[in-house]
Amino acid sequence: MEKKNALASLSALAHETRLDIYRLLVEAGPAGVPAGMIADRLDLAGPTLSFHLNHLRHAGLVEFRREGRSLIYSADFARMNGLVGYLTENCCQGEAAACGLPVCAPMPADSDTQTRARGGMRDEAVSRARRR
């Protein structure tokens, strides 16, 4: 992945709503999710959802297909993996396997358990409260 593509992807994901949309699409897997279901799950108005999906699509993170009258959106997993690879390609001076530590392995989504144990708050709880 080139630096300009990584920057476009990171820029698109650097917005609370777009990150929520993208995480929902990643969770759904390659089958994708109809636009209406995304709007319902994230409590977004149609025009707002369309605006954010277009940002993600132009960054190459999201694909869509038409099924009848519905648009089905899905994450571009190759692009996502390319971005993660770009971010970690120089981990441990390019020898992640040789460093002997799992520092370059992706952390599970529940890794914020330690944050909660220290009295921290999860970002999702804050973001949902702001939207209401």
Protein backbone atom coordinates (compact mmCIF):
# COMPACT_ATOMS: atom_id res chain seq x y z
CA MET A 1 0.00 0.00 0.00
CA GLU A 2 1.24 3.47 -0.82
CA LYS A 3 1.42 6.19 1.80
CA LYS A 4 -1.26 8.31 0.06
CA ASN A 5 -3.70 5.38 0.12
CA ALA A 6 -2.96 4.73 3.80
CA LEU A 7 -3.56 8.40 4.56
CA ALA A 8 -6.88 8.36 2.67
CA SER A 9 -8.00 5.29 4.61
CA LEU A 10 -6.92 6.63 7.98
CA SER A 11 -8.50 10.00 7.24
CA ALA A 12 -11.82 8.37 6.37
CA LEU A 13 -11.75 6.32 9.56
CA ALA A 14 -10.85 9.34 11.70
CA HIS A 15 -14.49 10.25 12.18
CA GLU A 16 -16.68 8.75 14.87
CA THR A 17 -19.65 7.90 12.62
CA ARG A 18 -17.52 6.49 9.80
CA LEU A 19 -15.59 4.35 12.24
CA ASP A 20 -18.87 3.02 13.67
CA ILE A 21 -20.12 2.24 10.14
CA TYR A 22 -16.88 0.54 9.17
CA ARG A 23 -16.77 -1.60 12.31
CA LEU A 24 -20.36 -2.68 11.68
CA LEU A 25 -19.44 -3.69 8.12
CA VAL A 26 -16.36 -5.59 9.27
CA GLU A 27 -18.50 -7.41 11.83
CA ALA A 28 -21.02 -8.34 9.12
CA GLY A 29 -18.33 -9.96 6.97
CA PRO A 30 -18.22 -10.26 3.18
CA ALA A 31 -22.00 -10.72 2.88
CA GLY A 32 -22.43 -7.05 3.79
CA VAL A 33 -25.36 -5.10 5.18
CA PRO A 34 -28.19 -3.24 3.42
CA ALA A 35 -27.94 0.54 3.78
CA GLY A 36 -31.28 0.70 5.60
CA MET A 37 -30.09 -1.75 8.22
CA ILE A 38 -26.91 0.29 8.79
CA ALA A 39 -29.06 3.40 9.27
CA ASP A 40 -31.33 1.58 11.73
CA ARG A 41 -28.51 -0.01 13.73
CA LEU A 42 -26.59 3.25 14.09
CA ASP A 43 -29.63 5.54 14.29
CA LEU A 44 -28.55 7.62 11.28
CA ALA A 45 -30.64 9.61 8.84
CA GLY A 46 -30.41 8.47 5.21
CA PRO A 47 -28.55 11.53 3.90
CA THR A 48 -26.06 11.38 6.78
CA LEU A 49 -25.41 7.70 6.17
CA SER A 50 -24.98 8.29 2.44
CA PHE A 51 -22.47 11.08 3.08
CA HIS A 52 -20.33 8.90 5.35
CA LEU A 53 -20.56 5.80 3.15
CA ASN A 54 -19.34 7.89 0.20
CA HIS A 55 -16.31 8.98 2.23
CA LEU A 56 -15.51 5.37 3.05
CA ARG A 57 -16.11 4.28 -0.54
CA HIS A 58 -13.83 6.97 -1.98
CA ALA A 59 -11.12 5.89 0.46
CA GLY A 60 -11.47 2.36 -0.91
CA LEU A 61 -12.59 0.86 2.39
CA VAL A 62 -16.17 0.03 1.38
CA GLU A 63 -17.74 -1.66 -1.62
CA PHE A 64 -21.39 -1.92 -2.57
CA ARG A 65 -23.60 -3.96 -4.83
CA ARG A 66 -27.21 -3.61 -5.84
CA GLU A 67 -29.71 -6.34 -4.98
CA GLY A 68 -33.09 -5.36 -6.33
CA ARG A 69 -33.80 -1.92 -4.89
CA SER A 70 -31.33 -2.31 -2.02
CA LEU A 71 -27.69 -1.30 -1.85
CA ILE A 72 -25.62 -3.80 0.10
CA TYR A 73 -22.43 -2.39 1.59
CA SER A 74 -19.45 -4.42 2.73
CA ALA A 75 -15.95 -3.74 3.95
CA ASP A 76 -13.13 -4.18 1.45
CA PHE A 77 -11.16 -6.70 3.47
CA ALA A 78 -8.18 -6.66 1.10
CA ARG A 79 -7.85 -2.90 1.61
CA MET A 80 -8.27 -3.28 5.38
CA ASN A 81 -5.57 -5.96 5.52
CA GLY A 82 -3.34 -3.83 3.30
CA LEU A 83 -3.71 -0.92 5.72
CA VAL A 84 -2.91 -3.08 8.75
CA GLY A 85 0.06 -4.52 6.87
CA TYR A 86 1.28 -1.04 5.96
CA LEU A 87 1.04 0.08 9.57
CA THR A 88 2.94 -2.94 10.89
CA GLU A 89 5.39 -3.72 8.08
CA ASN A 90 8.34 -2.25 9.97
CA CYS A 91 7.42 -3.66 13.37
CA CYS A 92 10.53 -4.87 15.17
CA GLN A 93 12.65 -3.42 12.35
CA GLY A 94 10.81 -5.51 9.76
CA GLU A 95 11.42 -8.78 11.60
CA ALA A 96 8.25 -9.16 13.69
CA ALA A 97 8.62 -12.95 13.85
CA ALA A 98 12.22 -12.66 15.02
CA CYS A 99 11.56 -10.25 17.89
CA GLY A 100 9.88 -13.00 19.91
CA LEU A 101 7.11 -10.78 21.24
CA PRO A 102 3.52 -10.59 20.00
CA VAL A 103 3.80 -6.78 19.75
CA CYS A 104 2.81 -6.72 16.08
CA ALA A 105 -0.17 -9.05 16.45
CA PRO A 106 -3.56 -7.31 16.37
CA MET A 107 -5.15 -6.97 19.79
CA PRO A 108 -8.60 -8.51 20.33
CA ALA A 109 -11.52 -6.10 20.50
CA ASP A 110 -11.88 -6.78 24.22
CA SER A 111 -8.42 -5.34 24.92
CA ASP A 112 -10.12 -2.30 26.45
CA THR A 113 -11.02 -4.44 29.48
CA GLN A 114 -7.91 -3.11 31.19
CA THR A 115 -9.03 0.45 30.47
CA ARG A 116 -12.40 -0.21 32.10
CA ALA A 117 -10.69 -1.85 35.08
CA ARG A 118 -8.69 1.34 35.61
CA GLY A 119 -11.91 3.38 35.62
CA GLY A 120 -11.77 4.40 31.96
CA MET A 121 -14.79 4.61 29.70
CA ARG A 122 -15.27 2.86 26.35
CA ASP A 123 -15.44 5.14 23.30
CA GLU A 124 -18.61 3.47 22.03
CA ALA A 125 -20.55 4.37 25.16
CA VAL A 126 -19.50 7.98 24.86
CA SER A 127 -20.27 8.17 21.14
CA ARG A 128 -23.77 6.72 21.52
CA ALA A 129 -24.54 9.18 24.30
CA ARG A 130 -23.44 12.13 22.12
CA ARG A 131 -25.73 11.12 19.25
CA ARG A 132 -28.89 11.31 21.31
